[in-house]
N, C-alpha and C. Protein backbone atom coordinates (compact mmCIF):
# COMPACT_ATOMS: atom_id res chain seq x y z
N MET A 1 -4.95 25.85 -143.41
CA MET A 1 -6.49 26.20 -142.43
C MET A 1 -5.09 27.07 -142.45
N ASN A 2 -6.36 28.03 -141.29
CA ASN A 2 -5.56 29.43 -141.35
C ASN A 2 -5.71 29.21 -139.16
N THR A 3 -5.29 30.51 -138.77
CA THR A 3 -5.21 29.97 -137.24
C THR A 3 -6.12 30.96 -136.95
N GLN A 4 -7.06 31.33 -137.27
CA GLN A 4 -8.49 30.72 -136.22
C GLN A 4 -9.53 29.86 -136.62
N ASP A 5 -9.54 29.18 -137.70
CA ASP A 5 -10.05 28.24 -137.43
C ASP A 5 -9.70 27.31 -136.76
N PHE A 6 -8.53 26.83 -136.46
CA PHE A 6 -7.86 26.40 -135.80
C PHE A 6 -8.38 26.14 -134.40
N GLU A 7 -7.83 27.54 -134.03
CA GLU A 7 -8.18 27.40 -132.60
C GLU A 7 -9.48 27.40 -131.92
N ALA A 8 -10.16 27.22 -133.62
CA ALA A 8 -12.07 27.43 -133.25
C ALA A 8 -11.60 25.76 -133.08
N GLN A 9 -11.32 25.20 -133.68
CA GLN A 9 -11.07 23.73 -133.81
C GLN A 9 -10.49 23.36 -132.34
N LEU A 10 -9.27 23.75 -131.89
CA LEU A 10 -8.62 23.24 -130.56
C LEU A 10 -10.16 23.73 -129.81
N LYS A 11 -10.74 24.66 -129.73
CA LYS A 11 -11.83 25.00 -128.74
C LYS A 11 -12.59 23.83 -129.04
N ALA A 12 -13.21 23.73 -129.12
CA ALA A 12 -14.15 22.88 -129.66
C ALA A 12 -13.92 21.59 -129.20
N GLU A 13 -12.69 21.29 -129.42
CA GLU A 13 -11.98 19.66 -129.32
C GLU A 13 -11.96 20.88 -127.02
N LYS A 14 -11.85 20.76 -126.62
CA LYS A 14 -11.79 21.48 -125.36
C LYS A 14 -10.57 21.12 -124.44
N PHE A 15 -9.08 21.97 -125.60
CA PHE A 15 -7.57 22.16 -124.98
C PHE A 15 -8.04 22.75 -124.08
N ASP A 16 -8.01 22.95 -123.04
CA ASP A 16 -8.24 24.53 -122.33
C ASP A 16 -6.93 25.43 -121.70
N GLU A 17 -6.04 25.09 -123.02
CA GLU A 17 -5.14 26.83 -122.78
C GLU A 17 -4.48 26.13 -124.61
N ILE A 18 -4.70 27.66 -124.95
CA ILE A 18 -4.28 27.85 -126.74
C ILE A 18 -2.94 29.65 -126.18
N ALA A 19 -1.19 28.52 -127.19
CA ALA A 19 -0.45 29.73 -126.31
C ALA A 19 0.36 29.69 -127.93
N LEU A 20 1.03 30.99 -128.42
CA LEU A 20 2.02 31.28 -128.92
C LEU A 20 3.52 30.62 -129.39
N VAL A 21 3.83 29.63 -130.12
CA VAL A 21 4.91 29.32 -129.42
C VAL A 21 5.94 30.06 -130.56
N GLU A 22 7.46 30.51 -129.45
CA GLU A 22 8.47 31.06 -130.47
C GLU A 22 9.29 30.37 -130.34
N LYS A 23 10.36 29.33 -131.33
CA LYS A 23 11.47 28.55 -131.12
C LYS A 23 12.06 29.46 -132.15
N PRO A 24 13.96 29.82 -131.31
CA PRO A 24 14.74 29.98 -132.25
C PRO A 24 15.60 29.44 -133.16
N VAL A 25 16.66 29.81 -133.99
CA VAL A 25 16.76 28.85 -134.94
C VAL A 25 17.91 27.83 -134.53
N GLY A 26 17.85 26.85 -134.85
CA GLY A 26 18.91 26.19 -134.11
C GLY A 26 18.41 25.43 -133.15
N TYR A 27 16.98 25.02 -132.20
CA TYR A 27 16.27 25.06 -131.08
C TYR A 27 16.50 23.54 -131.20
N ALA A 28 16.67 22.98 -129.93
CA ALA A 28 16.83 21.92 -129.45
C ALA A 28 16.44 21.45 -128.41
N MET A 29 15.64 19.74 -128.71
CA MET A 29 15.67 19.97 -126.83
C MET A 29 15.50 18.11 -126.92
N GLY A 30 16.18 17.52 -126.06
CA GLY A 30 16.10 16.23 -126.25
C GLY A 30 15.38 15.59 -126.46
N GLU A 31 15.24 14.62 -125.42
CA GLU A 31 14.56 13.46 -125.49
C GLU A 31 13.46 14.13 -124.00
N HIS A 32 12.12 14.04 -124.33
CA HIS A 32 11.20 15.07 -122.91
C HIS A 32 9.78 14.62 -123.37
N GLN A 33 9.18 14.91 -121.99
CA GLN A 33 7.52 14.26 -121.95
C GLN A 33 7.20 15.72 -121.78
N HIS A 34 5.73 15.43 -122.14
CA HIS A 34 5.01 16.42 -121.20
C HIS A 34 3.51 16.05 -120.93
N PRO A 35 3.06 16.58 -119.61
CA PRO A 35 1.83 15.99 -118.74
C PRO A 35 0.89 16.56 -119.49
N PHE A 36 0.71 17.02 -120.86
CA PHE A 36 -0.62 17.44 -121.42
C PHE A 36 -0.19 16.98 -122.58
N GLU A 37 -1.62 16.26 -123.17
CA GLU A 37 -1.89 15.96 -124.80
C GLU A 37 -1.77 17.73 -125.06
N ALA A 38 -1.16 17.77 -126.67
CA ALA A 38 -0.69 19.07 -126.75
C ALA A 38 -1.08 19.04 -128.75
N CYS A 39 -1.47 19.85 -129.74
CA CYS A 39 -2.46 19.98 -130.67
C CYS A 39 -1.49 20.84 -131.56
N ALA A 40 -0.76 21.31 -132.45
CA ALA A 40 0.24 22.59 -132.97
C ALA A 40 -0.34 22.64 -134.46
N LEU A 41 -0.31 23.70 -135.03
CA LEU A 41 -0.21 24.73 -136.50
C LEU A 41 1.41 25.03 -136.66
N ILE A 42 1.77 24.28 -137.44
CA ILE A 42 2.78 25.17 -137.96
C ILE A 42 2.58 26.55 -138.11
N THR A 43 2.96 27.72 -138.19
CA THR A 43 2.78 28.98 -138.80
C THR A 43 3.28 29.74 -139.41
N GLN A 44 5.24 29.97 -139.21
CA GLN A 44 6.32 29.61 -139.16
C GLN A 44 7.61 29.14 -139.92
N GLY A 45 8.65 28.79 -140.20
CA GLY A 45 9.38 27.42 -139.67
C GLY A 45 9.22 26.24 -139.78
N ASP A 46 9.51 25.58 -140.22
CA ASP A 46 9.52 23.90 -139.75
C ASP A 46 9.84 23.25 -137.88
N ILE A 47 9.30 22.29 -137.56
CA ILE A 47 10.25 21.39 -136.90
C ILE A 47 10.29 20.05 -136.53
N THR A 48 10.90 19.08 -136.56
CA THR A 48 11.05 18.31 -136.10
C THR A 48 11.30 16.97 -135.19
N LEU A 49 10.29 16.62 -135.12
CA LEU A 49 9.87 15.66 -133.76
C LEU A 49 9.94 14.18 -133.82
N THR A 50 11.00 14.00 -132.72
CA THR A 50 11.34 11.95 -132.72
C THR A 50 11.18 11.54 -132.04
N VAL A 51 9.92 10.62 -132.34
CA VAL A 51 8.78 9.64 -131.16
C VAL A 51 9.13 8.35 -131.37
N ARG A 52 9.56 7.59 -130.26
CA ARG A 52 9.64 6.07 -130.89
C ARG A 52 10.96 5.81 -132.10
N GLY A 53 11.89 7.01 -131.78
CA GLY A 53 13.08 6.33 -133.46
C GLY A 53 12.68 6.46 -134.18
N VAL A 54 11.35 7.68 -134.08
CA VAL A 54 10.70 7.73 -135.58
C VAL A 54 10.78 9.06 -136.26
N SER A 55 11.69 10.44 -136.43
CA SER A 55 11.77 11.56 -137.71
C SER A 55 10.51 11.70 -138.29
N THR A 56 9.64 13.31 -137.93
CA THR A 56 8.47 13.27 -138.99
C THR A 56 8.86 15.51 -138.48
N THR A 57 9.00 15.47 -139.80
CA THR A 57 9.43 17.14 -140.00
C THR A 57 7.78 18.07 -140.56
N TYR A 58 7.75 18.99 -139.84
CA TYR A 58 6.40 19.55 -139.88
C TYR A 58 6.72 20.56 -140.49
N SER A 59 6.19 21.14 -141.39
CA SER A 59 6.46 22.94 -141.96
C SER A 59 4.70 23.32 -141.90
N VAL A 60 5.46 24.44 -142.22
CA VAL A 60 4.08 26.04 -142.12
C VAL A 60 2.22 24.94 -142.68
N GLY A 61 1.66 25.12 -142.59
CA GLY A 61 0.26 24.46 -142.56
C GLY A 61 -0.07 23.02 -142.04
N ASP A 62 1.36 22.36 -141.56
CA ASP A 62 0.45 21.14 -141.06
C ASP A 62 -0.04 21.07 -139.00
N VAL A 63 -0.28 20.49 -139.21
CA VAL A 63 -0.56 19.95 -138.04
C VAL A 63 -0.28 18.95 -137.46
N PHE A 64 0.46 18.52 -135.96
CA PHE A 64 0.74 17.47 -135.07
C PHE A 64 0.35 17.52 -133.55
N ARG A 65 -0.15 16.17 -133.70
CA ARG A 65 -0.93 15.45 -132.34
C ARG A 65 0.23 15.17 -131.85
N LEU A 66 -0.02 15.70 -130.01
CA LEU A 66 0.90 14.57 -129.34
C LEU A 66 0.09 14.49 -127.85
N PRO A 67 0.43 12.17 -127.69
CA PRO A 67 -0.22 12.50 -126.67
C PRO A 67 0.35 12.80 -125.03
N ALA A 68 -0.21 13.38 -124.27
CA ALA A 68 0.92 13.89 -122.50
C ALA A 68 1.72 12.17 -122.70
N GLN A 69 2.79 12.52 -122.06
CA GLN A 69 2.99 11.24 -121.26
C GLN A 69 4.32 11.04 -122.22
N THR A 70 4.29 11.79 -123.81
CA THR A 70 4.44 10.91 -125.53
C THR A 70 6.02 11.12 -125.17
N PRO A 71 7.49 10.04 -124.87
CA PRO A 71 9.00 11.20 -124.68
C PRO A 71 9.34 11.01 -126.09
N HIS A 72 9.80 12.07 -126.94
CA HIS A 72 10.04 12.91 -127.60
C HIS A 72 11.20 13.72 -127.56
N ASP A 73 11.88 13.75 -128.61
CA ASP A 73 13.02 14.79 -129.06
C ASP A 73 11.76 16.05 -129.94
N GLU A 74 12.99 17.40 -129.74
CA GLU A 74 12.30 18.54 -131.42
C GLU A 74 13.26 19.58 -131.34
N ASN A 75 13.20 19.37 -132.64
CA ASN A 75 14.58 20.30 -133.19
C ASN A 75 13.49 21.28 -134.12
N ALA A 76 13.77 22.41 -134.28
CA ALA A 76 13.43 23.58 -135.49
C ALA A 76 14.95 24.02 -136.15
N SER A 77 14.53 24.03 -137.55
CA SER A 77 15.08 24.01 -138.81
C SER A 77 16.30 25.41 -138.49
N ALA A 78 16.51 25.67 -140.01
CA ALA A 78 17.72 26.74 -139.95
C ALA A 78 17.06 28.29 -139.50
N LEU A 79 15.50 27.66 -139.55
CA LEU A 79 14.84 29.23 -139.79
C LEU A 79 14.14 29.24 -138.23
N GLY A 80 14.02 27.83 -137.56
CA GLY A 80 13.96 28.30 -136.15
C GLY A 80 12.14 27.85 -136.68
N VAL A 81 11.16 27.90 -135.75
CA VAL A 81 10.21 27.73 -136.46
C VAL A 81 8.96 28.40 -135.17
N THR A 82 7.42 28.65 -135.24
CA THR A 82 6.03 28.76 -134.53
C THR A 82 5.19 28.75 -134.94
N TYR A 83 4.40 28.20 -133.35
CA TYR A 83 2.80 28.02 -133.88
C TYR A 83 2.62 28.19 -133.04
N LEU A 84 1.55 27.32 -133.37
CA LEU A 84 0.04 27.61 -132.35
C LEU A 84 -0.40 26.68 -131.69
N ALA A 85 -0.54 26.75 -130.83
CA ALA A 85 -0.86 25.53 -129.77
C ALA A 85 -1.50 24.95 -128.51
N GLY A 86 -2.12 23.35 -129.19
CA GLY A 86 -3.26 23.91 -127.84
C GLY A 86 -2.77 22.98 -127.19
N ARG A 87 -3.15 22.83 -125.31
CA ARG A 87 -2.68 21.70 -124.81
C ARG A 87 -4.37 22.18 -123.80
N LYS A 88 -3.79 20.25 -123.62
CA LYS A 88 -4.94 19.54 -123.24
C LYS A 88 -4.61 19.11 -121.69
N HIS A 89 -5.05 19.56 -120.09
CA HIS A 89 -4.39 19.32 -119.31
C HIS A 89 -5.01 18.14 -118.83
N GLN A 90 -4.76 16.90 -118.40
CA GLN A 90 -4.89 15.70 -117.96
C GLN A 90 -5.95 16.27 -115.69
N ALA A 91 -6.73 15.90 -116.38
CA ALA A 91 -7.56 16.22 -115.54
C ALA A 91 -7.66 15.72 -113.86
N SER A 92 -7.85 16.58 -112.56
CA SER A 92 -6.77 15.83 -111.96
C SER A 92 -8.28 14.66 -110.74
N ALA A 93 -7.22 13.40 -110.60
CA ALA A 93 -8.44 12.52 -109.50
C ALA A 93 -8.58 12.77 -108.32
């Protein structure tokens, strides 16, 4: 999937924020969570996400989804990682 098609998909799925994210070589963040749903297309390098003890590596062309409030670790490879990310913030009650 190319970035234009991915961005169109994010808009169709009502993601309210779209950003290009770049993480440097050796990037690592311990367990944390986000207040938004995330969906991302890897455009360079790769990233490993660990959710509930299961690690999955996403490389160029892969898409990952992460529901809001999901505890996870993330680590970039020796190449770093760049991805186009959509964020869907939860509506306030």
